[in-house]
Amino acid sequence: MGNLFVKKPKITEVDRAILSLKTQRRKLGQYQQQLDAVIEAEKQAARDLIREKKKDRALLALKKKKAQEELLNQVDAWLINVEQQLADIELTSKQKAVFDSLKAGNNAIKAIQSEINLEDVQKLVDDTDEAKAYQDEINAILGEKLSAEDEEEVLTEFENLESQIILQDLPDVPTSTQSSEEHNEKLNLPDVPTKAPVAPEVVADDAEVSTKKKVLEEPLPA
């Protein structure tokens, strides 16, 4: 039931023209294919007749082929015209769409401008200038209250504060010194020897001495 109330898109004269041109393009394309087939058939018939030595009929087939080729050229020209018409319609449709967009944009600008009152704009500018002039006047009055002596005192105070900040930002100088106790600490060194070192005496074993003596007393072998 819901589909019964769907509004169908309106078909315009442009839509009908495009549909008609596309239909003609399709029919001309089909006609081209038919002419190509006839031309090829007449050409093949002329070959066969030439083989059969039938000159008159072969010439007739070639004449028919020539007539079909001329008709095909005419169909090609018609098809080019149809394609050009379709291209022109498409270009014109795009131009119209651009024109409609520009027109809508222009109307939007006019609508926005109609909401702006020139008198209100001028009043806003005047109020802004007046407020700025008033603030400048206040600044000038406040500046005139300071005498030359006051200006000098302010400058001196600024320099003093600047010097204090510089001194506070300086790094601390290291002051580590060696204590007197560490400096006067005595070194406990060993006494210097006064005699030359003596090698320890080696005491030979009695058994070892007896063995050496026995070896010396034995006669040498002949």
Protein backbone atom coordinates (compact mmCIF):
# COMPACT_ATOMS: atom_id res chain seq x y z
CA MET A 1 0.00 0.00 0.00
CA GLY A 2 2.90 2.35 0.77
CA ASN A 3 4.22 2.10 -2.80
CA LEU A 4 0.99 3.57 -4.13
CA PHE A 5 1.80 6.92 -2.57
CA VAL A 6 5.41 7.13 -3.83
CA LYS A 7 5.81 10.21 -5.99
CA LYS A 8 7.26 9.35 -9.37
CA PRO A 9 10.00 11.60 -10.74
CA LYS A 10 8.79 14.10 -13.29
CA ILE A 11 9.93 13.43 -16.86
CA THR A 12 11.03 16.64 -18.55
CA GLU A 13 11.44 17.49 -22.21
CA VAL A 14 15.19 17.21 -21.77
CA ASP A 15 14.80 13.65 -20.51
CA ARG A 16 12.64 12.76 -23.51
CA ALA A 17 15.18 14.28 -25.91
CA ILE A 18 18.04 12.35 -24.32
CA LEU A 19 16.06 9.12 -24.47
CA SER A 20 15.21 9.67 -28.14
CA LEU A 21 18.83 10.39 -29.08
CA LYS A 22 20.10 7.32 -27.24
CA THR A 23 17.49 5.19 -29.01
CA GLN A 24 18.59 6.53 -32.39
CA ARG A 25 22.22 5.89 -31.49
CA ARG A 26 21.45 2.28 -30.66
CA LYS A 27 19.50 1.77 -33.91
CA LEU A 28 22.22 3.40 -36.01
CA GLY A 29 24.79 1.12 -34.40
CA GLN A 30 22.73 -1.92 -35.34
CA TYR A 31 22.33 -0.58 -38.89
CA GLN A 32 26.11 -0.19 -39.15
CA GLN A 33 26.59 -3.85 -38.27
CA GLN A 34 24.06 -4.90 -40.94
CA LEU A 35 25.77 -2.78 -43.60
CA ASP A 36 29.17 -4.21 -42.68
CA ALA A 37 27.77 -7.72 -43.12
CA VAL A 38 26.23 -6.87 -46.53
CA ILE A 39 29.44 -5.23 -47.74
CA GLU A 40 31.50 -8.26 -46.73
CA ALA A 41 28.99 -10.60 -48.44
CA GLU A 42 29.07 -8.61 -51.72
CA LYS A 43 32.85 -8.60 -51.62
CA GLN A 44 32.98 -12.36 -51.15
CA ALA A 45 30.42 -12.84 -53.95
CA ALA A 46 32.57 -10.77 -56.30
CA ARG A 47 35.58 -12.99 -55.51
CA ASP A 48 33.60 -16.14 -56.24
CA LEU A 49 32.22 -14.74 -59.52
CA ILE A 50 35.69 -13.71 -60.65
CA ARG A 51 36.90 -17.28 -60.06
CA GLU A 52 33.94 -18.51 -62.13
CA LYS A 53 34.87 -16.11 -64.93
CA LYS A 54 31.54 -14.26 -64.57
CA LYS A 55 32.76 -10.74 -65.06
CA ASP A 56 29.39 -8.97 -65.44
CA ARG A 57 27.94 -10.41 -62.26
CA ALA A 58 31.19 -9.75 -60.40
CA LEU A 59 31.07 -6.10 -61.44
CA LEU A 60 27.45 -5.89 -60.31
CA ALA A 61 28.39 -7.28 -56.90
CA LEU A 62 31.15 -4.72 -56.57
CA LYS A 63 28.74 -1.90 -57.51
CA LYS A 64 26.30 -3.04 -54.83
CA LYS A 65 29.19 -3.18 -52.38
CA LYS A 66 30.13 0.40 -53.30
CA ALA A 67 26.55 1.61 -52.74
CA GLN A 68 26.45 -0.04 -49.31
CA GLU A 69 29.77 1.59 -48.38
CA GLU A 70 28.40 5.03 -49.29
CA LEU A 71 25.32 4.36 -47.19
CA LEU A 72 27.56 3.24 -44.32
CA ASN A 73 29.46 6.52 -44.54
CA GLN A 74 26.15 8.39 -44.30
CA VAL A 75 25.15 6.36 -41.24
CA ASP A 76 28.51 7.17 -39.65
CA ALA A 77 27.83 10.88 -40.16
CA TRP A 78 24.36 10.53 -38.62
CA LEU A 79 25.83 8.71 -35.63
CA ILE A 80 28.41 11.47 -35.13
CA ASN A 81 25.61 14.06 -35.10
CA VAL A 82 23.66 12.08 -32.51
CA GLU A 83 26.74 11.75 -30.29
CA GLN A 84 27.38 15.49 -30.60
CA GLN A 85 23.79 16.27 -29.64
CA LEU A 86 24.06 14.11 -26.53
CA ALA A 87 27.35 15.77 -25.56
CA ASP A 88 25.84 19.24 -26.03
CA ILE A 89 22.84 18.37 -23.88
CA GLU A 90 25.08 17.00 -21.13
CA LEU A 91 27.28 20.11 -21.21
CA THR A 92 24.26 22.42 -21.17
CA SER A 93 22.78 20.51 -18.23
CA LYS A 94 26.01 20.94 -16.26
CA GLN A 95 26.11 24.64 -17.13
CA LYS A 96 22.55 25.01 -15.90
CA ALA A 97 23.42 23.21 -12.66
CA VAL A 98 26.35 25.58 -12.12
CA PHE A 99 24.13 28.57 -12.90
CA ASP A 100 21.51 27.37 -10.42
CA SER A 101 24.18 26.93 -7.74
CA LEU A 102 25.55 30.42 -8.35
CA LYS A 103 22.05 31.85 -8.29
CA ALA A 104 21.28 30.09 -4.99
CA GLY A 105 24.54 31.38 -3.52
CA ASN A 106 23.76 34.92 -4.64
CA ASN A 107 20.31 34.72 -3.09
CA ALA A 108 21.84 33.46 0.17
CA ILE A 109 24.25 36.41 0.24
CA LYS A 110 21.41 38.84 -0.35
CA ALA A 111 19.37 37.21 2.41
CA ILE A 112 22.25 37.54 4.88
CA GLN A 113 22.92 41.12 3.87
CA SER A 114 19.25 41.98 4.30
CA GLU A 115 19.55 40.99 7.97
CA ILE A 116 22.37 43.50 8.50
CA ASN A 117 21.33 47.10 9.06
CA LEU A 118 23.87 49.64 7.82
CA GLU A 119 22.87 52.05 10.57
CA ASP A 120 23.61 49.40 13.19
CA VAL A 121 27.00 48.71 11.63
CA GLN A 122 27.86 52.41 11.60
CA LYS A 123 26.69 52.77 15.20
CA LEU A 124 28.87 49.81 16.24
CA VAL A 125 31.91 51.39 14.58
CA ASP A 126 31.21 54.74 16.24
CA ASP A 127 30.78 53.11 19.66
CA THR A 128 34.05 51.23 19.24
CA ASP A 129 35.93 54.39 18.29
CA GLU A 130 34.36 56.28 21.18
CA ALA A 131 35.30 53.57 23.69
CA LYS A 132 38.88 53.51 22.41
CA ALA A 133 39.16 57.29 22.62
CA TYR A 134 37.78 57.23 26.18
CA GLN A 135 40.33 54.60 27.24
CA ASP A 136 43.17 56.58 25.66
CA GLU A 137 42.03 59.64 27.59
CA ILE A 138 42.03 57.69 30.87
CA ASN A 139 45.54 56.39 30.18
CA ALA A 140 46.73 59.91 29.44
CA ILE A 141 45.25 61.26 32.69
CA LEU A 142 46.85 58.50 34.76
CA GLY A 143 50.18 59.10 33.08
CA GLU A 144 50.11 62.81 33.86
CA LYS A 145 49.77 62.19 37.63
CA LEU A 146 53.37 60.93 37.87
CA SER A 147 55.88 63.76 38.18
CA ALA A 148 59.49 63.62 37.03
CA GLU A 149 60.59 62.87 40.61
CA ASP A 150 58.12 59.99 40.83
CA GLU A 151 59.37 58.61 37.55
CA GLU A 152 62.95 58.74 38.90
CA GLU A 153 61.97 56.90 42.09
CA VAL A 154 60.19 54.20 40.11
CA LEU A 155 63.24 53.74 37.90
CA THR A 156 65.56 53.53 40.93
CA GLU A 157 63.35 50.94 42.60
CA PHE A 158 63.32 48.90 39.41
CA GLU A 159 67.13 48.91 39.24
CA ASN A 160 67.42 47.86 42.91
CA LEU A 161 65.03 44.96 42.42
CA GLU A 162 66.88 43.92 39.30
CA SER A 163 70.22 43.87 41.19
CA GLN A 164 68.74 41.79 44.02
CA ILE A 165 67.35 39.24 41.59
CA ILE A 166 70.73 38.95 39.84
CA LEU A 167 72.53 38.37 43.17
CA GLN A 168 69.99 35.75 44.23
CA ASP A 169 70.44 33.86 41.00
CA LEU A 170 74.26 33.63 41.34
CA PRO A 171 75.56 30.12 42.30
CA ASP A 172 77.18 29.53 45.73
CA VAL A 173 81.05 29.51 45.85
CA PRO A 174 82.48 26.27 47.37
CA THR A 175 84.49 26.96 50.63
CA SER A 176 85.67 23.46 51.63
CA THR A 177 89.14 23.55 53.40
CA GLN A 178 91.20 20.89 55.04
CA SER A 179 90.82 20.80 58.83
CA SER A 180 93.82 21.50 61.03
CA GLU A 181 93.55 18.07 62.66
CA GLU A 182 93.80 16.30 59.31
CA HIS A 183 96.65 18.62 58.29
CA ASN A 184 98.65 17.95 61.48
CA GLU A 185 97.96 14.23 61.57
CA LYS A 186 101.21 12.28 62.15
CA LEU A 187 102.14 9.43 59.91
CA ASN A 188 103.18 6.22 61.75
CA LEU A 189 106.06 4.93 59.57
CA PRO A 190 108.38 1.93 60.44
CA ASP A 191 112.01 2.53 61.62
CA VAL A 192 114.76 2.56 59.01
CA PRO A 193 117.09 -0.55 59.35
CA THR A 194 120.78 0.19 60.26
CA LYS A 195 122.38 -3.27 59.50
CA ALA A 196 122.72 -5.26 56.28
CA PRO A 197 120.36 -8.23 56.04
CA VAL A 198 121.95 -11.69 56.80
CA ALA A 199 120.85 -14.83 55.00
CA PRO A 200 119.67 -17.62 57.36
CA GLU A 201 122.01 -20.58 57.88
CA VAL A 202 120.95 -23.87 56.34
CA VAL A 203 121.38 -26.87 58.67
CA ALA A 204 122.00 -30.07 56.73
CA ASP A 205 120.36 -33.29 57.74
CA ASP A 206 122.74 -35.94 59.28
CA ALA A 207 121.44 -38.67 57.01
CA GLU A 208 121.98 -36.56 53.92
CA VAL A 209 125.60 -35.73 54.98
CA SER A 210 126.40 -39.41 55.66
CA THR A 211 125.08 -40.43 52.25
CA LYS A 212 127.16 -37.82 50.44
CA LYS A 213 130.32 -38.90 52.38
CA LYS A 214 129.77 -42.56 51.51
CA VAL A 215 129.42 -41.77 47.83
CA LEU A 216 132.70 -39.89 47.82
CA GLU A 217 134.61 -42.74 49.54
CA GLU A 218 133.47 -45.46 47.09
CA PRO A 219 136.07 -46.32 44.38
CA LEU A 220 135.26 -45.46 40.80
CA PRO A 221 134.48 -48.44 38.53
CA ALA A 222 137.37 -49.61 36.24
